[in-house]
Amino acid sequence: MRKTLSLCLILLLMACAQTSEGDKEAEAVDKSTFLKLAEKAYSSHDLLMAASMYQKAISADPELIPARLGYARTLAEMGNIPFAIDAYEQVIKLRPNDSTAKRGLAGLYLNSFKAKEAETLLVDALNQKPEPKLFNSLGVAYDMMGEADDARQAYYSGLVLDNKDQNLWANLGLSLALNGRAKEGVKIMQKVANSANANPVYRQNLAFLYILTGQKPVAEKILRLDMSAEEVDKITSFYTRVAAMEDSGDKIKALVRGMR
């Protein structure tokens, strides 16, 4: 009888062990499958499906960082900013030094005009690995806070790493013009707006600087390159209101809002 009981017990324990191992294997397959499906949906711009699959992968493994990062990124692109912020914050709780999460969260903070919070994350990320894009974002954060000297230093630091980064040059020109150095700012923005890979945003920024310096006809001429007459009237009116603001940080925030 004892031998029979012992044998039954051993078989039971073996069955439990096999079941446990089977569950783990199934879980691994599930989270891997969900993650692959999420990435495929994201690459196909099916953001709703991507978000759903990322959630399933996270449910299968709450510490699966790639799924959490993908989920946060997808939410941000869907315009669910508060949820995207929370998703990035969850990643940082699990992995405090994750530079991808810090960058993503800093960008969302900037778009939400939480410049101080963005500054903290960007400085941390730059301490890990200096990159031109991070210096550019840091410069924007400082400009939003009205800290012009720190903003320019951030842009210059980024340009040391990549002297051809047009976004850094454009934001440097804008920062200079908004803080008493309009002639220098316009000169820099002219170079950017006339470069081979210039886009409409650069030309619009140049037009704003012309309005800022009282050259509305020149601004309208530039805007007509990309806009209808009705659109030109609308944006020149907007730029005129922004130019009349006293605080440079408020001007930056207004321009960011206007680009949305």
Foldseek 3Di string as FASTA:
>chain_A
DVVVVVVVVVVVVVVVVVVVVVVVVVLVVLLVVLQVQLVVCVVVVVLVSNLVSLVRSCVSPVLPLVSLLSNLVSCVVVVVLVVSLVSLVSSCVSPVLPLSSLVSNLVSCVLVLVLVSSLVSLVSSVVVPNELVSLLSNLLSCLLVLNLVSSLVSLVVSCVVPVPPLSSLLSNLLSCLLPPNLVSSLVSLVCSCPDPPHDLVSLQSNLLSCVLVPNNVVSLVSNVVPDDPVVSVVVSVQSNVLSPDDGSSVSSSSVSVVVD
